[in-house]
């Protein structure tokens, strides 16, 4: 099998939510998918006769190396309205979902931008930030990617620029 080295992508990407850059990351951006299938089985056969996709969930994760208040709000599933001046307020029983559009940009095999656009995300707020004397304070951001509400169930698009 021939190897096309141009298709091996190496390099950093840029993350933004609603057009606001999240800044530097550590460990990149991880996109994961969970699928659940229904197995149609009948008494007359020992094997699965048909499979049907019944559930699909997509998730994204990144460690943001810029511990700005806005990034803490996103990472902990808090609304931006929780920031007043230089203070982010944690608390309350109903944090509400943090939603928005999310864009990941990096290079494509032709050397131009490849952009992943997620129309709607919900920050899950499952974060743990280390505060260390000899290390960077990261803000882990974990969110679920929701499908479009237009009936097409589109989770995201990938666009390769040509120039």
C-alpha atoms as a PDB file:
ATOM      1  CA  UNK A   1       0.000   0.000   0.000  1.00  0.00           C
ATOM      2  CA  UNK A   2       1.343   3.399  -0.944  1.00  0.00           C
ATOM      3  CA  UNK A   3       1.592   6.035   1.761  1.00  0.00           C
ATOM      4  CA  UNK A   4       0.526   9.593   0.972  1.00  0.00           C
ATOM      5  CA  UNK A   5       2.496  11.588   3.526  1.00  0.00           C
ATOM      6  CA  UNK A   6       0.575  14.784   2.663  1.00  0.00           C
ATOM      7  CA  UNK A   7      -2.460  13.161   4.302  1.00  0.00           C
ATOM      8  CA  UNK A   8      -0.648  12.797   7.632  1.00  0.00           C
ATOM      9  CA  UNK A   9      -1.635  15.892   9.582  1.00  0.00           C
ATOM     10  CA  UNK A  10       0.592  17.331  12.269  1.00  0.00           C
ATOM     11  CA  UNK A  11       0.149  20.671  13.928  1.00  0.00           C
ATOM     12  CA  UNK A  12      -1.935  22.767  16.231  1.00  0.00           C
ATOM     13  CA  UNK A  13      -5.518  23.805  15.815  1.00  0.00           C
ATOM     14  CA  UNK A  14      -7.568  26.749  16.990  1.00  0.00           C
ATOM     15  CA  UNK A  15     -10.714  26.367  19.107  1.00  0.00           C
ATOM     16  CA  UNK A  16     -13.502  28.913  19.412  1.00  0.00           C
ATOM     17  CA  UNK A  17     -17.022  29.056  20.810  1.00  0.00           C
ATOM     18  CA  UNK A  18     -19.436  31.557  19.282  1.00  0.00           C
ATOM     19  CA  UNK A  19     -16.483  33.207  17.554  1.00  0.00           C
ATOM     20  CA  UNK A  20     -14.448  33.697  20.752  1.00  0.00           C
ATOM     21  CA  UNK A  21     -11.054  31.949  20.738  1.00  0.00           C
ATOM     22  CA  UNK A  22     -10.394  29.701  23.725  1.00  0.00           C
ATOM     23  CA  UNK A  23      -6.632  30.095  23.473  1.00  0.00           C
ATOM     24  CA  UNK A  24      -3.803  27.616  23.855  1.00  0.00           C
ATOM     25  CA  UNK A  25      -4.479  23.948  24.517  1.00  0.00           C
ATOM     26  CA  UNK A  26      -2.561  20.957  25.816  1.00  0.00           C
ATOM     27  CA  UNK A  27      -3.165  17.559  24.263  1.00  0.00           C
ATOM     28  CA  UNK A  28      -5.212  18.839  21.349  1.00  0.00           C
ATOM     29  CA  UNK A  29      -8.918  18.417  20.739  1.00  0.00           C
ATOM     30  CA  UNK A  30     -10.520  14.974  21.044  1.00  0.00           C
ATOM     31  CA  UNK A  31     -13.709  14.125  19.154  1.00  0.00           C
ATOM     32  CA  UNK A  32     -15.428  10.888  20.190  1.00  0.00           C
ATOM     33  CA  UNK A  33     -18.562   9.057  19.152  1.00  0.00           C
ATOM     34  CA  UNK A  34     -20.789   6.540  20.923  1.00  0.00           C
ATOM     35  CA  UNK A  35     -23.246   4.482  18.888  1.00  0.00           C
ATOM     36  CA  UNK A  36     -25.957   2.116  20.033  1.00  0.00           C
ATOM     37  CA  UNK A  37     -27.305  -0.538  17.688  1.00  0.00           C
ATOM     38  CA  UNK A  38     -30.439  -2.664  17.735  1.00  0.00           C
ATOM     39  CA  UNK A  39     -29.768  -6.283  16.767  1.00  0.00           C
ATOM     40  CA  UNK A  40     -32.703  -7.976  15.047  1.00  0.00           C
ATOM     41  CA  UNK A  41     -32.550 -11.658  15.881  1.00  0.00           C
ATOM     42  CA  UNK A  42     -34.997 -14.449  15.126  1.00  0.00           C
ATOM     43  CA  UNK A  43     -35.467 -17.946  16.524  1.00  0.00           C
ATOM     44  CA  UNK A  44     -34.582 -19.561  13.217  1.00  0.00           C
ATOM     45  CA  UNK A  45     -30.999 -18.258  13.186  1.00  0.00           C
ATOM     46  CA  UNK A  46     -28.100 -18.059  15.632  1.00  0.00           C
ATOM     47  CA  UNK A  47     -26.829 -14.795  14.195  1.00  0.00           C
ATOM     48  CA  UNK A  48     -27.938 -11.200  13.947  1.00  0.00           C
ATOM     49  CA  UNK A  49     -30.166 -10.772  10.893  1.00  0.00           C
ATOM     50  CA  UNK A  50     -30.187  -6.995  10.731  1.00  0.00           C
ATOM     51  CA  UNK A  51     -28.632  -4.067  12.574  1.00  0.00           C
ATOM     52  CA  UNK A  52     -30.169  -0.636  12.962  1.00  0.00           C
ATOM     53  CA  UNK A  53     -28.523   2.424  14.432  1.00  0.00           C
ATOM     54  CA  UNK A  54     -30.797   3.659  17.224  1.00  0.00           C
ATOM     55  CA  UNK A  55     -28.637   6.227  19.025  1.00  0.00           C
ATOM     56  CA  UNK A  56     -25.596   8.313  18.259  1.00  0.00           C
ATOM     57  CA  UNK A  57     -23.857  10.671  20.660  1.00  0.00           C
ATOM     58  CA  UNK A  58     -20.815  12.808  19.980  1.00  0.00           C
ATOM     59  CA  UNK A  59     -18.512  14.433  22.507  1.00  0.00           C
ATOM     60  CA  UNK A  60     -15.593  16.828  22.418  1.00  0.00           C
ATOM     61  CA  UNK A  61     -12.800  17.407  24.920  1.00  0.00           C
ATOM     62  CA  UNK A  62      -9.901  19.796  25.213  1.00  0.00           C
ATOM     63  CA  UNK A  63      -7.571  21.045  27.943  1.00  0.00           C
ATOM     64  CA  UNK A  64      -7.479  24.824  27.693  1.00  0.00           C
ATOM     65  CA  UNK A  65      -4.159  26.194  28.917  1.00  0.00           C
ATOM     66  CA  UNK A  66      -5.459  29.748  29.296  1.00  0.00           C
ATOM     67  CA  UNK A  67      -7.246  29.897  32.630  1.00  0.00           C
ATOM     68  CA  UNK A  68      -9.368  32.959  31.832  1.00  0.00           C
ATOM     69  CA  UNK A  69     -12.665  33.352  33.694  1.00  0.00           C
ATOM     70  CA  UNK A  70     -14.618  32.798  30.471  1.00  0.00           C
ATOM     71  CA  UNK A  71     -12.823  29.456  29.961  1.00  0.00           C
ATOM     72  CA  UNK A  72     -13.573  28.419  33.554  1.00  0.00           C
ATOM     73  CA  UNK A  73     -17.242  29.236  32.930  1.00  0.00           C
ATOM     74  CA  UNK A  74     -17.285  27.059  29.811  1.00  0.00           C
ATOM     75  CA  UNK A  75     -15.337  24.239  31.468  1.00  0.00           C
ATOM     76  CA  UNK A  76     -17.605  24.118  34.491  1.00  0.00           C
ATOM     77  CA  UNK A  77     -20.846  24.449  32.530  1.00  0.00           C
ATOM     78  CA  UNK A  78     -21.653  27.919  33.781  1.00  0.00           C
ATOM     79  CA  UNK A  79     -23.290  30.661  31.724  1.00  0.00           C
ATOM     80  CA  UNK A  80     -21.155  33.649  30.730  1.00  0.00           C
ATOM     81  CA  UNK A  81     -23.685  35.761  32.661  1.00  0.00           C
ATOM     82  CA  UNK A  82     -22.042  34.326  35.804  1.00  0.00           C
ATOM     83  CA  UNK A  83     -19.091  36.651  35.151  1.00  0.00           C
ATOM     84  CA  UNK A  84     -19.448  40.121  36.641  1.00  0.00           C
ATOM     85  CA  UNK A  85     -16.391  42.319  36.210  1.00  0.00           C
ATOM     86  CA  UNK A  86     -13.463  40.194  37.346  1.00  0.00           C
ATOM     87  CA  UNK A  87     -15.567  37.671  39.302  1.00  0.00           C
ATOM     88  CA  UNK A  88     -17.048  34.340  38.223  1.00  0.00           C
ATOM     89  CA  UNK A  89     -19.780  33.152  40.567  1.00  0.00           C
ATOM     90  CA  UNK A  90     -20.279  29.402  41.098  1.00  0.00           C
ATOM     91  CA  UNK A  91     -23.437  28.126  42.716  1.00  0.00           C
ATOM     92  CA  UNK A  92     -27.140  27.613  42.445  1.00  0.00           C
ATOM     93  CA  UNK A  93     -29.015  24.429  41.755  1.00  0.00           C
ATOM     94  CA  UNK A  94     -29.878  25.071  38.110  1.00  0.00           C
ATOM     95  CA  UNK A  95     -26.778  26.109  36.218  1.00  0.00           C
ATOM     96  CA  UNK A  96     -28.499  25.841  32.864  1.00  0.00           C
ATOM     97  CA  UNK A  97     -26.869  24.475  29.753  1.00  0.00           C
ATOM     98  CA  UNK A  98     -24.052  26.400  28.125  1.00  0.00           C
ATOM     99  CA  UNK A  99     -24.706  26.184  24.427  1.00  0.00           C
ATOM    100  CA  UNK A 100     -23.116  27.649  21.364  1.00  0.00           C
ATOM    101  CA  UNK A 101     -21.406  26.953  18.081  1.00  0.00           C
ATOM    102  CA  UNK A 102     -17.950  25.452  18.264  1.00  0.00           C
ATOM    103  CA  UNK A 103     -15.251  25.626  15.591  1.00  0.00           C
ATOM    104  CA  UNK A 104     -12.004  23.672  15.370  1.00  0.00           C
ATOM    105  CA  UNK A 105      -9.592  24.859  12.701  1.00  0.00           C
ATOM    106  CA  UNK A 106      -6.360  23.200  11.647  1.00  0.00           C
ATOM    107  CA  UNK A 107      -4.584  22.249   8.457  1.00  0.00           C
ATOM    108  CA  UNK A 108      -5.774  19.955   5.678  1.00  0.00           C
ATOM    109  CA  UNK A 109      -3.658  17.781   3.358  1.00  0.00           C
ATOM    110  CA  UNK A 110      -3.370  20.632   0.824  1.00  0.00           C
ATOM    111  CA  UNK A 111      -1.890  22.911   3.494  1.00  0.00           C
ATOM    112  CA  UNK A 112      -4.968  25.123   3.869  1.00  0.00           C
ATOM    113  CA  UNK A 113      -7.500  25.381   6.673  1.00  0.00           C
ATOM    114  CA  UNK A 114      -9.767  22.497   7.631  1.00  0.00           C
ATOM    115  CA  UNK A 115     -12.676  23.674   9.748  1.00  0.00           C
ATOM    116  CA  UNK A 116     -14.985  21.506  11.847  1.00  0.00           C
ATOM    117  CA  UNK A 117     -18.168  23.393  12.723  1.00  0.00           C
ATOM    118  CA  UNK A 118     -20.460  22.075  15.442  1.00  0.00           C
ATOM    119  CA  UNK A 119     -23.779  23.917  15.355  1.00  0.00           C
ATOM    120  CA  UNK A 120     -24.789  23.248  18.943  1.00  0.00           C
ATOM    121  CA  UNK A 121     -22.852  22.085  21.966  1.00  0.00           C
ATOM    122  CA  UNK A 122     -23.721  21.723  25.616  1.00  0.00           C
ATOM    123  CA  UNK A 123     -20.953  22.052  28.157  1.00  0.00           C
ATOM    124  CA  UNK A 124     -21.195  19.085  30.517  1.00  0.00           C
ATOM    125  CA  UNK A 125     -19.287  20.865  33.262  1.00  0.00           C
ATOM    126  CA  UNK A 126     -17.313  17.749  34.222  1.00  0.00           C
ATOM    127  CA  UNK A 127     -14.056  19.517  34.992  1.00  0.00           C
ATOM    128  CA  UNK A 128     -11.130  19.123  37.289  1.00  0.00           C
ATOM    129  CA  UNK A 129      -8.515  21.880  37.219  1.00  0.00           C
ATOM    130  CA  UNK A 130      -5.129  21.268  38.806  1.00  0.00           C
ATOM    131  CA  UNK A 131      -3.522  24.249  40.527  1.00  0.00           C
ATOM    132  CA  UNK A 132       0.153  23.316  40.785  1.00  0.00           C
ATOM    133  CA  UNK A 133       3.258  25.205  41.754  1.00  0.00           C
ATOM    134  CA  UNK A 134       5.263  23.605  38.972  1.00  0.00           C
ATOM    135  CA  UNK A 135       2.736  23.282  36.167  1.00  0.00           C
ATOM    136  CA  UNK A 136       0.124  24.942  34.036  1.00  0.00           C
ATOM    137  CA  UNK A 137      -3.409  25.336  35.357  1.00  0.00           C
ATOM    138  CA  UNK A 138      -5.571  23.720  32.694  1.00  0.00           C
ATOM    139  CA  UNK A 139      -9.303  24.155  32.298  1.00  0.00           C
ATOM    140  CA  UNK A 140     -10.688  20.890  30.946  1.00  0.00           C
ATOM    141  CA  UNK A 141     -13.629  21.516  28.619  1.00  0.00           C
ATOM    142  CA  UNK A 142     -15.983  18.618  27.918  1.00  0.00           C
ATOM    143  CA  UNK A 143     -19.179  18.958  25.951  1.00  0.00           C
ATOM    144  CA  UNK A 144     -21.776  16.992  24.062  1.00  0.00           C
ATOM    145  CA  UNK A 145     -22.415  17.810  20.432  1.00  0.00           C
ATOM    146  CA  UNK A 146     -26.120  17.957  19.641  1.00  0.00           C
ATOM    147  CA  UNK A 147     -27.687  17.345  16.227  1.00  0.00           C
ATOM    148  CA  UNK A 148     -29.261  20.146  14.244  1.00  0.00           C
ATOM    149  CA  UNK A 149     -32.927  20.852  14.880  1.00  0.00           C
ATOM    150  CA  UNK A 150     -33.744  21.016  11.162  1.00  0.00           C
ATOM    151  CA  UNK A 151     -34.725  17.347  10.923  1.00  0.00           C
ATOM    152  CA  UNK A 152     -31.498  16.369   9.148  1.00  0.00           C
ATOM    153  CA  UNK A 153     -29.781  15.342  12.415  1.00  0.00           C
ATOM    154  CA  UNK A 154     -26.505  16.918  11.268  1.00  0.00           C
ATOM    155  CA  UNK A 155     -23.956  16.923  14.083  1.00  0.00           C
ATOM    156  CA  UNK A 156     -21.158  18.825  12.355  1.00  0.00           C
ATOM    157  CA  UNK A 157     -19.592  19.745   9.049  1.00  0.00           C
ATOM    158  CA  UNK A 158     -15.973  19.576   7.883  1.00  0.00           C
ATOM    159  CA  UNK A 159     -14.850  22.109   5.322  1.00  0.00           C
ATOM    160  CA  UNK A 160     -11.482  21.979   3.527  1.00  0.00           C
ATOM    161  CA  UNK A 161     -10.403  25.360   2.194  1.00  0.00           C
ATOM    162  CA  UNK A 162      -8.789  25.398  -1.244  1.00  0.00           C
ATOM    163  CA  UNK A 163      -6.918  28.675  -0.904  1.00  0.00           C
END
